[in-house]
N, C-alpha and C. Protein backbone atom coordinates (compact mmCIF):
# COMPACT_ATOMS: atom_id res chain seq x y z
N UNK A 1 0.84 -1.18 0.00
CA UNK A 1 0.00 0.00 0.00
C UNK A 1 0.88 1.25 0.00
N UNK A 2 0.52 2.20 -0.83
CA UNK A 2 1.29 3.44 -0.95
C UNK A 2 1.00 4.38 0.21
N UNK A 3 2.02 5.03 0.78
CA UNK A 3 1.74 5.96 1.87
C UNK A 3 1.01 7.20 1.37
N UNK A 4 0.03 7.63 2.15
CA UNK A 4 -0.75 8.81 1.77
C UNK A 4 0.07 10.07 1.97
N UNK A 5 -0.16 11.10 1.16
CA UNK A 5 0.57 12.35 1.37
C UNK A 5 0.10 13.03 2.66
N UNK A 6 1.01 13.68 3.36
CA UNK A 6 0.67 14.36 4.59
C UNK A 6 -0.10 15.65 4.26
N UNK A 7 -1.24 15.84 4.90
CA UNK A 7 -2.07 16.99 4.61
C UNK A 7 -1.99 18.01 5.75
N UNK A 8 -2.20 19.27 5.43
CA UNK A 8 -2.17 20.33 6.43
C UNK A 8 -3.52 20.39 7.14
N UNK A 9 -3.53 20.11 8.43
CA UNK A 9 -4.75 20.21 9.22
C UNK A 9 -4.73 21.53 9.98
N UNK A 10 -5.91 22.10 10.19
CA UNK A 10 -5.99 23.38 10.89
C UNK A 10 -6.26 23.18 12.38
N UNK A 11 -6.15 21.93 12.83
CA UNK A 11 -6.41 21.59 14.23
C UNK A 11 -5.14 21.03 14.84
N UNK A 12 -4.86 21.42 16.09
CA UNK A 12 -3.67 20.93 16.80
C UNK A 12 -4.08 20.23 18.08
N UNK A 13 -3.15 19.48 18.64
CA UNK A 13 -3.36 18.82 19.92
C UNK A 13 -3.63 19.89 20.97
N UNK A 14 -4.65 19.68 21.80
CA UNK A 14 -4.99 20.64 22.84
C UNK A 14 -6.08 21.62 22.46
N UNK A 15 -6.48 21.68 21.19
CA UNK A 15 -7.55 22.57 20.75
C UNK A 15 -8.90 22.09 21.25
N UNK A 16 -9.80 23.02 21.50
CA UNK A 16 -11.18 22.69 21.83
C UNK A 16 -11.97 22.60 20.53
N UNK A 17 -12.64 21.46 20.32
CA UNK A 17 -13.40 21.26 19.08
C UNK A 17 -14.83 20.84 19.38
N UNK A 18 -15.72 21.02 18.37
CA UNK A 18 -17.12 20.65 18.47
C UNK A 18 -17.42 19.67 17.34
N UNK A 19 -18.15 18.59 17.65
CA UNK A 19 -18.55 17.63 16.62
C UNK A 19 -19.75 18.22 15.89
N UNK A 20 -19.65 18.33 14.55
CA UNK A 20 -20.72 18.98 13.79
C UNK A 20 -21.63 17.99 13.07
N UNK A 21 -21.24 16.72 12.99
CA UNK A 21 -22.10 15.73 12.36
C UNK A 21 -21.80 14.34 12.91
N UNK A 22 -22.78 13.45 12.78
CA UNK A 22 -22.60 12.08 13.24
C UNK A 22 -23.28 11.80 14.55
N UNK A 23 -22.97 10.65 15.11
CA UNK A 23 -23.61 10.15 16.32
C UNK A 23 -23.41 11.07 17.52
N UNK A 24 -22.25 11.73 17.59
CA UNK A 24 -21.93 12.59 18.74
C UNK A 24 -22.10 14.06 18.43
N UNK A 25 -22.98 14.41 17.48
CA UNK A 25 -23.18 15.80 17.07
C UNK A 25 -23.51 16.68 18.27
N UNK A 26 -22.81 17.82 18.37
CA UNK A 26 -23.04 18.77 19.46
C UNK A 26 -22.09 18.59 20.62
N UNK A 27 -21.46 17.43 20.74
CA UNK A 27 -20.51 17.22 21.83
C UNK A 27 -19.22 17.99 21.54
N UNK A 28 -18.54 18.36 22.61
CA UNK A 28 -17.26 19.05 22.44
C UNK A 28 -16.23 18.44 23.36
N UNK A 29 -14.98 18.67 23.03
CA UNK A 29 -13.90 18.13 23.83
C UNK A 29 -12.56 18.64 23.34
N UNK A 30 -11.51 18.16 23.97
CA UNK A 30 -10.15 18.59 23.64
C UNK A 30 -9.49 17.53 22.76
N UNK A 31 -8.72 18.00 21.77
CA UNK A 31 -8.01 17.08 20.88
C UNK A 31 -6.87 16.43 21.66
N UNK A 32 -6.87 15.10 21.70
CA UNK A 32 -5.86 14.34 22.42
C UNK A 32 -4.71 13.95 21.50
N UNK A 33 -5.07 13.58 20.26
CA UNK A 33 -4.07 13.10 19.30
C UNK A 33 -4.50 13.45 17.89
N UNK A 34 -3.55 13.84 17.05
CA UNK A 34 -3.83 14.17 15.66
C UNK A 34 -3.10 13.18 14.77
N UNK A 35 -3.82 12.63 13.79
CA UNK A 35 -3.24 11.68 12.83
C UNK A 35 -3.39 12.26 11.42
N UNK A 36 -2.44 13.11 11.00
CA UNK A 36 -2.60 13.82 9.72
C UNK A 36 -2.61 12.90 8.50
N UNK A 37 -1.90 11.79 8.55
CA UNK A 37 -1.88 10.89 7.40
C UNK A 37 -3.23 10.24 7.14
N UNK A 38 -3.99 9.99 8.21
CA UNK A 38 -5.32 9.39 8.07
C UNK A 38 -6.43 10.42 8.04
N UNK A 39 -6.11 11.71 8.21
CA UNK A 39 -7.10 12.80 8.30
C UNK A 39 -8.06 12.58 9.47
N UNK A 40 -7.54 12.03 10.58
CA UNK A 40 -8.37 11.73 11.73
C UNK A 40 -7.74 12.30 13.00
N UNK A 41 -8.56 12.42 14.03
CA UNK A 41 -8.05 12.83 15.34
C UNK A 41 -8.86 12.19 16.43
N UNK A 42 -8.28 12.17 17.63
CA UNK A 42 -8.97 11.60 18.79
C UNK A 42 -9.33 12.76 19.71
N UNK A 43 -10.61 12.82 20.06
CA UNK A 43 -11.12 13.89 20.92
C UNK A 43 -11.58 13.26 22.23
N UNK A 44 -11.18 13.85 23.35
CA UNK A 44 -11.51 13.32 24.67
C UNK A 44 -13.03 13.29 24.88
N UNK A 45 -13.55 12.11 25.23
CA UNK A 45 -14.97 11.96 25.55
C UNK A 45 -15.91 11.88 24.36
N UNK A 46 -15.36 11.84 23.14
CA UNK A 46 -16.18 11.81 21.94
C UNK A 46 -15.89 10.53 21.15
N UNK A 47 -16.93 9.97 20.50
CA UNK A 47 -16.81 8.75 19.69
C UNK A 47 -16.30 7.59 20.54
N UNK A 48 -16.95 7.38 21.69
CA UNK A 48 -16.56 6.32 22.60
C UNK A 48 -17.00 4.96 22.06
N UNK A 49 -16.09 3.98 22.13
CA UNK A 49 -16.38 2.62 21.68
C UNK A 49 -15.96 1.64 22.78
N UNK A 50 -16.58 0.46 22.77
CA UNK A 50 -16.22 -0.57 23.75
C UNK A 50 -15.29 -1.57 23.08
N UNK A 51 -14.22 -1.90 23.75
CA UNK A 51 -13.25 -2.86 23.23
C UNK A 51 -13.01 -3.93 24.27
N UNK A 52 -12.87 -5.17 23.82
CA UNK A 52 -12.54 -6.27 24.73
C UNK A 52 -11.03 -6.29 24.90
N UNK A 53 -10.59 -6.11 26.13
CA UNK A 53 -9.17 -5.97 26.45
C UNK A 53 -8.69 -7.22 27.17
N UNK A 54 -7.58 -7.77 26.70
CA UNK A 54 -6.99 -8.91 27.38
C UNK A 54 -6.21 -8.39 28.59
N UNK A 55 -6.21 -9.16 29.66
CA UNK A 55 -5.51 -8.76 30.88
C UNK A 55 -4.00 -8.78 30.63
N UNK A 56 -3.32 -7.76 31.16
CA UNK A 56 -1.86 -7.71 31.08
C UNK A 56 -1.31 -7.41 32.47
N UNK A 57 -0.01 -7.30 32.60
CA UNK A 57 0.59 -7.05 33.91
C UNK A 57 0.14 -5.72 34.51
N UNK A 58 -0.03 -4.70 33.65
CA UNK A 58 -0.39 -3.38 34.18
C UNK A 58 -1.88 -3.06 34.07
N UNK A 59 -2.61 -3.73 33.16
CA UNK A 59 -4.02 -3.42 32.93
C UNK A 59 -4.92 -4.60 33.28
N UNK A 60 -6.08 -4.26 33.82
CA UNK A 60 -7.11 -5.25 34.11
C UNK A 60 -7.79 -5.63 32.80
N UNK A 61 -8.21 -6.87 32.67
CA UNK A 61 -8.93 -7.30 31.47
C UNK A 61 -10.39 -6.91 31.55
N UNK A 62 -11.13 -7.16 30.47
CA UNK A 62 -12.56 -6.89 30.45
C UNK A 62 -12.94 -5.96 29.32
N UNK A 63 -14.14 -5.42 29.41
CA UNK A 63 -14.63 -4.51 28.37
C UNK A 63 -14.24 -3.09 28.75
N UNK A 64 -13.44 -2.47 27.90
CA UNK A 64 -12.91 -1.13 28.15
C UNK A 64 -13.56 -0.15 27.19
N UNK A 65 -13.93 1.02 27.71
CA UNK A 65 -14.50 2.06 26.86
C UNK A 65 -13.42 3.09 26.58
N UNK A 66 -13.20 3.37 25.29
CA UNK A 66 -12.16 4.34 24.94
C UNK A 66 -12.57 5.13 23.71
N UNK A 67 -11.84 6.22 23.44
CA UNK A 67 -12.15 7.07 22.30
C UNK A 67 -11.62 6.46 21.01
N UNK A 68 -12.42 6.51 19.96
CA UNK A 68 -12.00 6.06 18.64
C UNK A 68 -11.70 7.30 17.79
N UNK A 69 -10.85 7.16 16.77
CA UNK A 69 -10.56 8.30 15.91
C UNK A 69 -11.81 8.78 15.17
N UNK A 70 -11.89 10.09 14.95
CA UNK A 70 -13.02 10.70 14.24
C UNK A 70 -12.44 11.48 13.07
N UNK A 71 -13.14 11.47 11.93
CA UNK A 71 -12.62 12.15 10.74
C UNK A 71 -12.65 13.66 10.95
N UNK A 72 -11.62 14.32 10.43
CA UNK A 72 -11.45 15.77 10.63
C UNK A 72 -12.59 16.58 10.01
N UNK A 73 -13.28 16.03 9.00
CA UNK A 73 -14.39 16.75 8.37
C UNK A 73 -15.63 16.79 9.27
N UNK A 74 -15.66 15.94 10.30
CA UNK A 74 -16.82 15.88 11.19
C UNK A 74 -16.69 16.78 12.41
N UNK A 75 -15.59 17.49 12.51
CA UNK A 75 -15.39 18.38 13.65
C UNK A 75 -15.11 19.80 13.16
N UNK A 76 -15.34 20.76 14.06
CA UNK A 76 -14.99 22.16 13.78
C UNK A 76 -14.38 22.73 15.05
N UNK A 77 -13.46 23.64 14.89
CA UNK A 77 -12.83 24.28 16.03
C UNK A 77 -13.88 25.09 16.79
N UNK A 78 -13.81 25.09 18.11
CA UNK A 78 -14.74 25.86 18.93
C UNK A 78 -14.25 27.31 19.01
N UNK A 79 -15.16 28.26 18.80
CA UNK A 79 -14.81 29.67 18.89
C UNK A 79 -14.37 30.00 20.31
N UNK A 80 -13.23 30.68 20.49
CA UNK A 80 -12.76 31.01 21.85
C UNK A 80 -13.73 31.89 22.63
N UNK A 81 -14.53 32.73 21.93
CA UNK A 81 -15.47 33.61 22.62
C UNK A 81 -16.77 32.90 22.99
N UNK A 82 -17.41 32.26 22.00
CA UNK A 82 -18.75 31.72 22.23
C UNK A 82 -18.79 30.21 22.42
N UNK A 83 -17.76 29.49 21.98
CA UNK A 83 -17.76 28.04 22.08
C UNK A 83 -18.50 27.36 20.95
N UNK A 84 -19.04 28.15 20.01
CA UNK A 84 -19.75 27.59 18.86
C UNK A 84 -18.74 27.19 17.78
N UNK A 85 -19.14 26.30 16.85
CA UNK A 85 -18.22 25.87 15.79
C UNK A 85 -17.83 27.05 14.89
N UNK A 86 -16.58 27.07 14.46
CA UNK A 86 -16.10 28.13 13.59
C UNK A 86 -15.10 27.58 12.59
N UNK A 87 -14.95 28.29 11.47
CA UNK A 87 -13.91 27.94 10.53
C UNK A 87 -12.62 28.64 10.98
N UNK A 88 -11.50 28.20 10.41
CA UNK A 88 -10.20 28.72 10.83
C UNK A 88 -9.55 29.46 9.68
N UNK A 89 -8.98 30.62 9.98
CA UNK A 89 -8.21 31.37 9.00
C UNK A 89 -6.81 31.61 9.54
N UNK A 90 -5.93 32.07 8.67
CA UNK A 90 -4.56 32.39 9.07
C UNK A 90 -4.28 33.85 8.76
N UNK A 91 -3.50 34.49 9.63
CA UNK A 91 -3.01 35.83 9.31
C UNK A 91 -1.63 36.01 9.90
N UNK A 92 -0.86 36.90 9.30
CA UNK A 92 0.49 37.18 9.77
C UNK A 92 0.46 38.48 10.56
N UNK A 93 0.94 38.43 11.80
CA UNK A 93 0.96 39.61 12.66
C UNK A 93 2.12 40.53 12.29
N UNK A 94 2.14 41.72 12.90
CA UNK A 94 3.19 42.70 12.61
C UNK A 94 4.58 42.17 12.95
N UNK A 95 4.66 41.34 14.01
CA UNK A 95 5.97 40.81 14.41
C UNK A 95 6.41 39.62 13.55
N UNK A 96 5.61 39.26 12.53
CA UNK A 96 6.01 38.21 11.59
C UNK A 96 5.48 36.83 11.93
N UNK A 97 4.76 36.68 13.05
CA UNK A 97 4.22 35.37 13.42
C UNK A 97 2.96 35.06 12.60
N UNK A 98 2.85 33.80 12.15
CA UNK A 98 1.64 33.35 11.46
C UNK A 98 0.75 32.68 12.50
N UNK A 99 -0.45 33.21 12.68
CA UNK A 99 -1.35 32.69 13.71
C UNK A 99 -2.70 32.31 13.11
N UNK A 100 -3.41 31.43 13.82
CA UNK A 100 -4.76 31.03 13.42
C UNK A 100 -5.76 31.97 14.09
N UNK A 101 -6.87 32.23 13.40
CA UNK A 101 -7.94 33.01 14.01
C UNK A 101 -9.29 32.40 13.67
N UNK A 102 -10.27 32.63 14.55
CA UNK A 102 -11.62 32.12 14.36
C UNK A 102 -12.36 33.05 13.42
N UNK A 103 -12.89 32.52 12.33
CA UNK A 103 -13.58 33.36 11.35
C UNK A 103 -14.92 33.87 11.89
N UNK A 104 -15.52 33.17 12.86
CA UNK A 104 -16.81 33.60 13.42
C UNK A 104 -16.67 34.90 14.20
N UNK A 105 -15.64 35.00 15.05
CA UNK A 105 -15.50 36.17 15.91
C UNK A 105 -14.29 37.03 15.58
N UNK A 106 -13.34 36.48 14.83
CA UNK A 106 -12.12 37.22 14.53
C UNK A 106 -11.08 37.09 15.64
N UNK A 107 -11.38 36.34 16.67
CA UNK A 107 -10.50 36.15 17.83
C UNK A 107 -9.30 35.28 17.46
N UNK A 108 -8.11 35.61 17.95
CA UNK A 108 -6.92 34.80 17.71
C UNK A 108 -7.01 33.50 18.50
N UNK A 109 -6.57 32.39 17.89
CA UNK A 109 -6.62 31.09 18.55
C UNK A 109 -5.30 30.81 19.24
N UNK A 110 -4.16 30.95 18.53
CA UNK A 110 -2.87 30.76 19.22
C UNK A 110 -2.26 32.12 19.51
N UNK A 111 -2.74 32.76 20.53
CA UNK A 111 -2.25 34.09 20.90
C UNK A 111 -1.00 34.00 21.76
């Protein structure tokens, strides 16, 4: 299988996001892990699935509930002001830094 090209995602680890479609629509959480090659990310408390876990030295066995990856198209960044879903834009500040901003409110995301 050929490796997929790495794509630029507008979401980073630690961002607050809102699920905009699917089973968990309306839920929000923090990005735990970003997988740019698969265009997916793991959000805390969202897209929970049950997995049968074998017992190991450090972990108890049984049915474990954990987060599954969710496609990046199903989430939107949460606006820092209102918490509602927003699109992301980029702008270059006077000091030369390239930063993300919320298109809904104009608020800077990585200030």
